[in-house]
């Protein structure tokens, strides 16, 4: 019974986190391996704006698995990604900005694996730090990438 409760809590947490963060816009994809049956393996680039810090946009590239499993959404994408975040306008940091906050969350398998972007606020250096990593219910991946955005005056 205890195990059932743990699985139910995990499902609730995963479903609850799915609504957190910004929505991404696909910029484009390139094929990395051609597949005879099903979708090709590829790397796709998505863009999203920080939902709480106007003036910051991020581009995230990540590998996507093809084949039959990938075509039907049953494949687990590898934990391989890169992120670049930049100032694209005047940055307004809210007074109540948490030190760590999920700003992007995307499922990368049918069960319990996500790519997640966390924003950290380094007040001492007046810099926003964006960390992308992969989560799994049982065993996450140490693969990660970061990008920093110094908070600077915006000149047009």
N, C-alpha and C. Protein backbone atom coordinates (compact mmCIF):
# COMPACT_ATOMS: atom_id res chain seq x y z
N UNK A 1 0.83 -1.20 0.00
CA UNK A 1 0.00 0.00 0.00
C UNK A 1 0.87 1.26 0.00
N UNK A 2 1.97 1.22 0.76
CA UNK A 2 2.86 2.37 0.83
C UNK A 2 3.45 2.67 -0.55
N UNK A 3 3.78 1.62 -1.29
CA UNK A 3 4.35 1.78 -2.62
C UNK A 3 3.34 2.43 -3.57
N UNK A 4 2.09 2.05 -3.47
CA UNK A 4 1.03 2.63 -4.30
C UNK A 4 0.89 4.12 -4.01
N UNK A 5 0.96 4.48 -2.74
CA UNK A 5 0.87 5.89 -2.38
C UNK A 5 2.05 6.68 -2.95
N UNK A 6 3.25 6.08 -2.93
CA UNK A 6 4.43 6.76 -3.46
C UNK A 6 4.30 6.97 -4.97
N UNK A 7 3.81 5.95 -5.68
CA UNK A 7 3.62 6.07 -7.12
C UNK A 7 2.55 7.12 -7.43
N UNK A 8 1.47 7.12 -6.67
CA UNK A 8 0.42 8.12 -6.86
C UNK A 8 0.94 9.53 -6.63
N UNK A 9 1.75 9.72 -5.58
CA UNK A 9 2.35 11.03 -5.33
C UNK A 9 3.28 11.45 -6.45
N UNK A 10 4.06 10.50 -6.95
CA UNK A 10 4.97 10.81 -8.05
C UNK A 10 4.20 11.22 -9.30
N UNK A 11 3.12 10.50 -9.61
CA UNK A 11 2.29 10.86 -10.75
C UNK A 11 1.70 12.25 -10.58
N UNK A 12 1.20 12.54 -9.40
CA UNK A 12 0.64 13.86 -9.11
C UNK A 12 1.70 14.95 -9.28
N UNK A 13 2.91 14.69 -8.81
CA UNK A 13 3.99 15.67 -8.93
C UNK A 13 4.36 15.90 -10.38
N UNK A 14 4.45 14.83 -11.17
CA UNK A 14 4.81 14.96 -12.58
C UNK A 14 3.73 15.71 -13.34
N UNK A 15 2.47 15.36 -13.11
CA UNK A 15 1.37 16.05 -13.79
C UNK A 15 1.32 17.50 -13.35
N UNK A 16 1.51 17.75 -12.08
CA UNK A 16 1.48 19.12 -11.56
C UNK A 16 2.61 19.96 -12.12
N UNK A 17 3.80 19.40 -12.31
CA UNK A 17 4.93 20.15 -12.84
C UNK A 17 4.80 20.40 -14.33
N UNK A 18 4.02 19.59 -15.02
CA UNK A 18 3.86 19.76 -16.45
C UNK A 18 3.28 21.10 -16.83
N UNK A 19 2.52 21.73 -15.95
CA UNK A 19 1.90 23.01 -16.24
C UNK A 19 2.81 24.18 -15.89
N UNK A 20 3.95 23.91 -15.28
CA UNK A 20 4.86 24.96 -14.83
C UNK A 20 5.76 25.41 -15.97
N UNK A 21 6.05 26.70 -16.02
CA UNK A 21 7.04 27.20 -16.95
C UNK A 21 6.46 27.75 -18.24
N UNK A 22 7.36 28.19 -19.10
CA UNK A 22 7.00 28.84 -20.34
C UNK A 22 6.68 27.82 -21.42
N UNK A 23 5.92 28.26 -22.41
CA UNK A 23 5.65 27.44 -23.58
C UNK A 23 6.74 27.73 -24.61
N UNK A 24 7.20 26.70 -25.30
CA UNK A 24 8.27 26.87 -26.28
C UNK A 24 7.71 26.96 -27.69
N UNK A 25 8.46 27.64 -28.53
CA UNK A 25 8.14 27.76 -29.94
C UNK A 25 9.25 27.07 -30.71
N UNK A 26 8.89 26.09 -31.55
CA UNK A 26 9.93 25.37 -32.30
C UNK A 26 10.47 26.27 -33.40
N UNK A 27 11.79 26.45 -33.41
CA UNK A 27 12.46 27.27 -34.42
C UNK A 27 12.81 26.43 -35.64
N UNK A 28 13.28 25.20 -35.41
CA UNK A 28 13.63 24.32 -36.52
C UNK A 28 14.34 23.08 -36.04
N UNK A 29 14.50 22.11 -36.95
CA UNK A 29 15.15 20.83 -36.64
C UNK A 29 16.09 20.44 -37.77
N UNK A 30 17.10 19.66 -37.43
CA UNK A 30 17.99 19.06 -38.43
C UNK A 30 18.04 17.55 -38.17
N UNK A 31 18.08 16.78 -39.25
CA UNK A 31 18.15 15.33 -39.15
C UNK A 31 19.58 14.90 -38.83
N UNK A 32 19.72 14.01 -37.84
CA UNK A 32 21.04 13.49 -37.49
C UNK A 32 21.22 12.04 -37.94
N UNK A 33 20.11 11.34 -38.13
CA UNK A 33 20.17 9.96 -38.62
C UNK A 33 18.87 9.65 -39.34
N UNK A 34 18.98 9.15 -40.56
CA UNK A 34 17.82 8.81 -41.36
C UNK A 34 17.31 7.44 -40.93
N UNK A 35 16.00 7.31 -40.78
CA UNK A 35 15.39 6.05 -40.40
C UNK A 35 14.50 5.56 -41.54
N UNK A 36 14.61 4.29 -41.91
CA UNK A 36 13.80 3.72 -42.98
C UNK A 36 12.33 3.72 -42.60
N UNK A 37 12.05 3.37 -41.35
CA UNK A 37 10.66 3.33 -40.87
C UNK A 37 10.52 4.30 -39.71
N UNK A 38 9.57 5.18 -39.81
CA UNK A 38 9.32 6.14 -38.73
C UNK A 38 10.10 7.43 -38.93
N UNK A 39 9.98 8.30 -37.97
CA UNK A 39 10.64 9.61 -38.02
C UNK A 39 12.16 9.46 -37.90
N UNK A 40 12.88 10.41 -38.46
CA UNK A 40 14.33 10.43 -38.35
C UNK A 40 14.74 10.91 -36.96
N UNK A 41 15.94 10.51 -36.53
CA UNK A 41 16.52 11.11 -35.32
C UNK A 41 16.86 12.55 -35.69
N UNK A 42 16.72 13.48 -34.75
CA UNK A 42 16.99 14.88 -35.08
C UNK A 42 17.38 15.68 -33.85
N UNK A 43 17.88 16.86 -34.11
CA UNK A 43 18.12 17.86 -33.07
C UNK A 43 17.20 19.03 -33.39
N UNK A 44 16.42 19.46 -32.40
CA UNK A 44 15.48 20.55 -32.59
C UNK A 44 15.84 21.72 -31.68
N UNK A 45 15.59 22.93 -32.18
CA UNK A 45 15.83 24.15 -31.42
C UNK A 45 14.48 24.80 -31.12
N UNK A 46 14.24 25.04 -29.84
CA UNK A 46 13.03 25.71 -29.38
C UNK A 46 13.42 27.03 -28.73
N UNK A 47 12.52 27.99 -28.76
CA UNK A 47 12.74 29.28 -28.10
C UNK A 47 11.62 29.52 -27.09
N UNK A 48 11.97 30.15 -25.98
CA UNK A 48 10.95 30.56 -25.01
C UNK A 48 11.43 31.81 -24.29
N UNK A 49 10.46 32.61 -23.87
CA UNK A 49 10.74 33.80 -23.08
C UNK A 49 10.61 33.45 -21.61
N UNK A 50 11.45 34.02 -20.78
CA UNK A 50 11.33 33.80 -19.34
C UNK A 50 9.96 34.34 -18.91
N UNK A 51 9.12 33.51 -18.31
CA UNK A 51 7.76 33.94 -17.99
C UNK A 51 7.67 35.01 -16.89
N UNK A 52 8.70 35.16 -16.07
CA UNK A 52 8.65 36.14 -14.97
C UNK A 52 9.65 37.28 -15.11
N UNK A 53 10.58 37.17 -16.06
CA UNK A 53 11.58 38.22 -16.23
C UNK A 53 11.51 38.73 -17.67
N UNK A 54 10.74 39.79 -17.90
CA UNK A 54 10.67 40.35 -19.25
C UNK A 54 12.05 40.79 -19.71
N UNK A 55 12.31 40.58 -21.01
CA UNK A 55 13.59 41.00 -21.56
C UNK A 55 14.60 39.88 -21.71
N UNK A 56 14.23 38.64 -21.34
CA UNK A 56 15.14 37.51 -21.47
C UNK A 56 14.48 36.42 -22.30
N UNK A 57 15.21 35.92 -23.30
CA UNK A 57 14.75 34.81 -24.13
C UNK A 57 15.82 33.74 -24.15
N UNK A 58 15.40 32.49 -24.23
CA UNK A 58 16.33 31.35 -24.27
C UNK A 58 16.06 30.50 -25.50
N UNK A 59 17.13 29.93 -26.03
CA UNK A 59 17.05 28.94 -27.11
C UNK A 59 17.62 27.64 -26.57
N UNK A 60 16.87 26.57 -26.74
CA UNK A 60 17.22 25.26 -26.20
C UNK A 60 17.29 24.27 -27.35
N UNK A 61 18.43 23.60 -27.51
CA UNK A 61 18.53 22.53 -28.51
C UNK A 61 18.56 21.21 -27.77
N UNK A 62 17.85 20.22 -28.36
CA UNK A 62 17.89 18.90 -27.74
C UNK A 62 17.65 17.81 -28.77
N UNK A 63 18.25 16.65 -28.49
CA UNK A 63 18.12 15.50 -29.36
C UNK A 63 16.73 14.90 -29.21
N UNK A 64 16.17 14.44 -30.33
CA UNK A 64 14.87 13.78 -30.32
C UNK A 64 14.98 12.46 -31.06
N UNK A 65 14.49 11.41 -30.42
CA UNK A 65 14.58 10.06 -30.96
C UNK A 65 13.52 9.83 -32.02
N UNK A 66 13.93 9.21 -33.12
CA UNK A 66 13.00 8.89 -34.20
C UNK A 66 12.59 7.43 -34.17
N UNK A 67 12.49 6.84 -35.36
CA UNK A 67 12.05 5.45 -35.48
C UNK A 67 10.56 5.33 -35.20
N UNK A 68 10.08 4.12 -35.13
CA UNK A 68 8.66 3.90 -34.85
C UNK A 68 8.28 4.40 -33.47
N UNK A 69 9.12 4.11 -32.48
CA UNK A 69 8.82 4.55 -31.12
C UNK A 69 8.73 6.08 -31.04
N UNK A 70 9.65 6.77 -31.71
CA UNK A 70 9.63 8.22 -31.73
C UNK A 70 8.42 8.78 -32.45
N UNK A 71 8.01 8.11 -33.51
CA UNK A 71 6.85 8.55 -34.28
C UNK A 71 5.57 8.49 -33.46
N UNK A 72 5.47 7.51 -32.59
CA UNK A 72 4.26 7.34 -31.79
C UNK A 72 4.38 7.95 -30.39
N UNK A 73 5.47 8.66 -30.13
CA UNK A 73 5.64 9.30 -28.83
C UNK A 73 5.99 8.34 -27.71
N UNK A 74 6.53 7.17 -28.06
CA UNK A 74 6.85 6.16 -27.05
C UNK A 74 8.34 6.09 -26.72
N UNK A 75 9.15 6.82 -27.48
CA UNK A 75 10.61 6.78 -27.28
C UNK A 75 11.00 7.69 -26.12
N UNK A 76 12.13 7.36 -25.53
CA UNK A 76 12.73 8.24 -24.52
C UNK A 76 13.85 9.00 -25.20
N UNK A 77 13.72 10.33 -25.22
CA UNK A 77 14.76 11.15 -25.84
C UNK A 77 16.02 11.13 -24.98
N UNK A 78 17.21 11.16 -25.61
CA UNK A 78 18.44 11.19 -24.82
C UNK A 78 18.58 12.51 -24.07
N UNK A 79 19.32 12.48 -22.99
CA UNK A 79 19.54 13.68 -22.17
C UNK A 79 20.71 14.47 -22.74
N UNK A 80 20.54 14.96 -23.96
CA UNK A 80 21.58 15.74 -24.63
C UNK A 80 20.97 17.04 -25.10
N UNK A 81 21.47 18.15 -24.55
CA UNK A 81 20.88 19.45 -24.86
C UNK A 81 21.90 20.55 -24.63
N UNK A 82 21.54 21.74 -25.11
CA UNK A 82 22.35 22.93 -24.91
C UNK A 82 21.39 24.10 -24.78
N UNK A 83 21.82 25.15 -24.06
CA UNK A 83 20.96 26.31 -23.87
C UNK A 83 21.77 27.59 -24.05
N UNK A 84 21.12 28.59 -24.62
CA UNK A 84 21.70 29.93 -24.74
C UNK A 84 20.60 30.92 -24.42
N UNK A 85 20.82 31.76 -23.41
CA UNK A 85 19.85 32.78 -23.01
C UNK A 85 20.49 34.14 -23.19
N UNK A 86 19.69 35.11 -23.66
CA UNK A 86 20.20 36.45 -23.94
C UNK A 86 19.20 37.51 -23.54
N UNK A 87 19.73 38.70 -23.31
CA UNK A 87 18.88 39.86 -23.08
C UNK A 87 18.36 40.30 -24.45
N UNK A 88 17.02 40.41 -24.57
CA UNK A 88 16.41 40.82 -25.84
C UNK A 88 15.59 42.11 -25.69
N UNK A 89 15.66 42.70 -24.52
CA UNK A 89 14.95 43.94 -24.24
C UNK A 89 15.32 44.39 -22.84
N UNK A 90 14.67 45.44 -22.36
CA UNK A 90 14.96 45.87 -20.99
C UNK A 90 14.57 44.78 -19.99
N UNK A 91 15.45 44.46 -19.07
CA UNK A 91 15.18 43.42 -18.07
C UNK A 91 14.58 44.06 -16.83
N UNK A 92 13.46 43.52 -16.42
CA UNK A 92 12.80 43.95 -15.20
C UNK A 92 12.76 42.76 -14.25
N UNK A 93 13.53 42.83 -13.17
CA UNK A 93 13.56 41.73 -12.20
C UNK A 93 12.50 42.03 -11.14
N UNK A 94 11.50 41.14 -11.01
CA UNK A 94 10.48 41.35 -9.98
C UNK A 94 11.11 41.32 -8.58
N UNK A 95 10.57 42.11 -7.68
CA UNK A 95 11.10 42.17 -6.30
C UNK A 95 11.00 40.82 -5.61
N UNK A 96 9.99 40.04 -5.95
CA UNK A 96 9.77 38.75 -5.28
C UNK A 96 10.32 37.57 -6.09
N UNK A 97 11.34 37.79 -6.91
CA UNK A 97 11.89 36.70 -7.73
C UNK A 97 12.60 35.69 -6.84
N UNK A 98 12.16 34.41 -6.89
CA UNK A 98 12.83 33.38 -6.07
C UNK A 98 14.25 33.12 -6.54
N UNK A 99 15.08 32.58 -5.65
CA UNK A 99 16.46 32.25 -6.01
C UNK A 99 16.52 31.15 -7.05
N UNK A 100 15.59 30.20 -7.01
CA UNK A 100 15.49 29.09 -7.98
C UNK A 100 14.03 28.96 -8.40
N UNK A 101 13.82 28.85 -9.73
CA UNK A 101 12.44 28.69 -10.22
C UNK A 101 12.45 27.96 -11.55
N UNK A 102 11.53 27.03 -11.74
CA UNK A 102 11.37 26.34 -13.02
C UNK A 102 10.79 27.34 -14.02
N UNK A 103 11.47 27.52 -15.16
CA UNK A 103 10.96 28.43 -16.18
C UNK A 103 10.55 27.69 -17.45
N UNK A 104 10.95 26.42 -17.57
CA UNK A 104 10.56 25.62 -18.74
C UNK A 104 10.59 24.15 -18.33
N UNK A 105 9.61 23.40 -18.84
CA UNK A 105 9.46 22.00 -18.49
C UNK A 105 8.85 21.28 -19.68
N UNK A 106 9.50 20.21 -20.17
CA UNK A 106 8.97 19.48 -21.32
C UNK A 106 9.18 17.99 -21.12
N UNK A 107 8.15 17.21 -21.37
CA UNK A 107 8.24 15.76 -21.27
C UNK A 107 9.13 15.22 -22.39
N UNK A 108 10.04 14.29 -22.04
CA UNK A 108 10.92 13.70 -23.04
C UNK A 108 10.78 12.18 -23.10
N UNK A 109 9.72 11.66 -22.49
CA UNK A 109 9.39 10.24 -22.64
C UNK A 109 7.93 10.09 -22.24
N UNK A 110 7.39 8.92 -22.53
CA UNK A 110 5.98 8.69 -22.20
C UNK A 110 5.78 8.61 -20.68
N UNK A 111 6.83 8.22 -19.96
CA UNK A 111 6.70 8.09 -18.50
C UNK A 111 7.87 8.75 -17.77
N UNK A 112 7.58 9.75 -17.00
CA UNK A 112 8.45 10.25 -15.93
C UNK A 112 9.81 10.82 -16.31
N UNK A 113 10.02 11.30 -17.51
CA UNK A 113 11.30 11.94 -17.84
C UNK A 113 11.00 13.31 -18.44
N UNK A 114 11.72 14.32 -17.99
CA UNK A 114 11.50 15.67 -18.46
C UNK A 114 12.82 16.40 -18.69
N UNK A 115 12.78 17.36 -19.59
CA UNK A 115 13.85 18.35 -19.70
C UNK A 115 13.34 19.56 -18.94
N UNK A 116 14.15 20.06 -18.04
CA UNK A 116 13.72 21.16 -17.18
C UNK A 116 14.75 22.27 -17.20
N UNK A 117 14.28 23.52 -17.27
CA UNK A 117 15.16 24.69 -17.18
C UNK A 117 14.81 25.44 -15.90
N UNK A 118 15.83 25.66 -15.09
CA UNK A 118 15.70 26.38 -13.82
C UNK A 118 16.41 27.73 -13.96
N UNK A 119 15.76 28.78 -13.49
CA UNK A 119 16.42 30.08 -13.42
C UNK A 119 16.91 30.28 -12.00
N UNK A 120 18.17 30.66 -11.85
CA UNK A 120 18.75 31.01 -10.56
C UNK A 120 19.11 32.49 -10.62
N UNK A 121 18.96 33.17 -9.51
CA UNK A 121 19.27 34.60 -9.46
C UNK A 121 20.49 34.82 -8.59
N UNK A 122 21.58 35.25 -9.20
CA UNK A 122 22.83 35.56 -8.50
C UNK A 122 22.81 37.06 -8.21
N UNK A 123 22.26 37.43 -7.05
CA UNK A 123 22.11 38.85 -6.70
C UNK A 123 23.46 39.55 -6.60
N UNK A 124 24.43 38.87 -6.03
CA UNK A 124 25.76 39.48 -5.82
C UNK A 124 26.38 39.95 -7.13
N UNK A 125 26.18 39.18 -8.21
CA UNK A 125 26.77 39.51 -9.50
C UNK A 125 25.75 40.10 -10.47
N UNK A 126 24.53 40.32 -9.99
CA UNK A 126 23.44 40.87 -10.80
C UNK A 126 23.31 40.10 -12.12
N UNK A 127 23.18 38.77 -11.97
CA UNK A 127 23.15 37.87 -13.13
C UNK A 127 22.07 36.81 -12.96
N UNK A 128 21.39 36.51 -14.06
CA UNK A 128 20.44 35.40 -14.10
C UNK A 128 21.17 34.20 -14.69
N UNK A 129 21.03 33.04 -14.07
CA UNK A 129 21.68 31.81 -14.52
C UNK A 129 20.59 30.82 -14.90
N UNK A 130 20.67 30.28 -16.10
CA UNK A 130 19.69 29.30 -16.58
C UNK A 130 20.37 27.95 -16.72
N UNK A 131 19.84 26.95 -16.03
CA UNK A 131 20.40 25.60 -16.00
C UNK A 131 19.39 24.65 -16.63
N UNK A 132 19.81 23.88 -17.64
CA UNK A 132 18.96 22.86 -18.23
C UNK A 132 19.51 21.49 -17.83
N UNK A 133 18.59 20.59 -17.44
CA UNK A 133 18.98 19.24 -17.04
C UNK A 133 17.80 18.31 -17.27
N UNK A 134 18.04 17.02 -17.10
CA UNK A 134 17.01 16.01 -17.31
C UNK A 134 16.63 15.39 -15.97
N UNK A 135 15.33 15.14 -15.81
CA UNK A 135 14.85 14.47 -14.60
C UNK A 135 14.25 13.13 -14.98
N UNK A 136 14.32 12.21 -14.07
CA UNK A 136 13.63 10.93 -14.18
C UNK A 136 13.10 10.61 -12.80
N UNK A 137 12.02 9.86 -12.74
CA UNK A 137 11.43 9.51 -11.45
C UNK A 137 12.44 8.77 -10.57
N UNK A 138 13.18 7.85 -11.14
CA UNK A 138 14.10 7.03 -10.35
C UNK A 138 15.52 7.58 -10.41
N UNK A 139 16.03 7.86 -11.61
CA UNK A 139 17.44 8.21 -11.76
C UNK A 139 17.60 9.30 -12.82
N UNK A 140 17.87 10.52 -12.40
CA UNK A 140 18.08 11.63 -13.33
C UNK A 140 19.43 11.52 -14.01
N UNK A 141 19.69 12.44 -14.91
CA UNK A 141 20.95 12.43 -15.65
C UNK A 141 21.85 13.56 -15.17
N UNK A 142 23.16 13.34 -15.11
CA UNK A 142 24.07 14.41 -14.75
C UNK A 142 24.34 15.37 -15.92
N UNK A 143 23.85 15.05 -17.13
CA UNK A 143 24.04 15.93 -18.28
C UNK A 143 23.34 17.25 -18.00
N UNK A 144 24.03 18.37 -18.30
CA UNK A 144 23.43 19.68 -18.06
C UNK A 144 24.15 20.71 -18.91
N UNK A 145 23.56 21.89 -18.96
CA UNK A 145 24.16 23.01 -19.67
C UNK A 145 23.67 24.29 -18.99
N UNK A 146 24.50 25.33 -18.97
CA UNK A 146 24.06 26.59 -18.37
C UNK A 146 24.30 27.75 -19.33
N UNK A 147 23.55 28.81 -19.08
CA UNK A 147 23.74 30.08 -19.78
C UNK A 147 23.49 31.18 -18.77
N UNK A 148 24.25 32.27 -18.86
CA UNK A 148 24.07 33.38 -17.92
C UNK A 148 23.68 34.65 -18.67
N UNK A 149 22.88 35.47 -18.00
CA UNK A 149 22.45 36.75 -18.56
C UNK A 149 22.73 37.82 -17.51
N UNK A 150 23.76 38.65 -17.74
CA UNK A 150 24.00 39.75 -16.80
C UNK A 150 22.89 40.80 -16.97
N UNK A 151 22.43 41.35 -15.87
CA UNK A 151 21.37 42.35 -15.92
C UNK A 151 22.04 43.70 -16.21
N UNK A 152 21.80 44.19 -17.42
CA UNK A 152 22.46 45.41 -17.91
C UNK A 152 21.42 46.41 -18.37
N UNK A 153 21.79 47.69 -18.39
CA UNK A 153 20.86 48.68 -18.97
C UNK A 153 20.64 48.38 -20.45
N UNK A 154 19.44 48.61 -20.94
CA UNK A 154 19.10 48.33 -22.33
C UNK A 154 19.15 49.62 -23.13
N UNK A 155 19.95 49.61 -24.18
CA UNK A 155 20.06 50.78 -25.06
C UNK A 155 19.48 50.43 -26.42
N UNK A 156 18.63 51.28 -26.94
CA UNK A 156 18.03 50.98 -28.24
C UNK A 156 18.69 51.74 -29.34
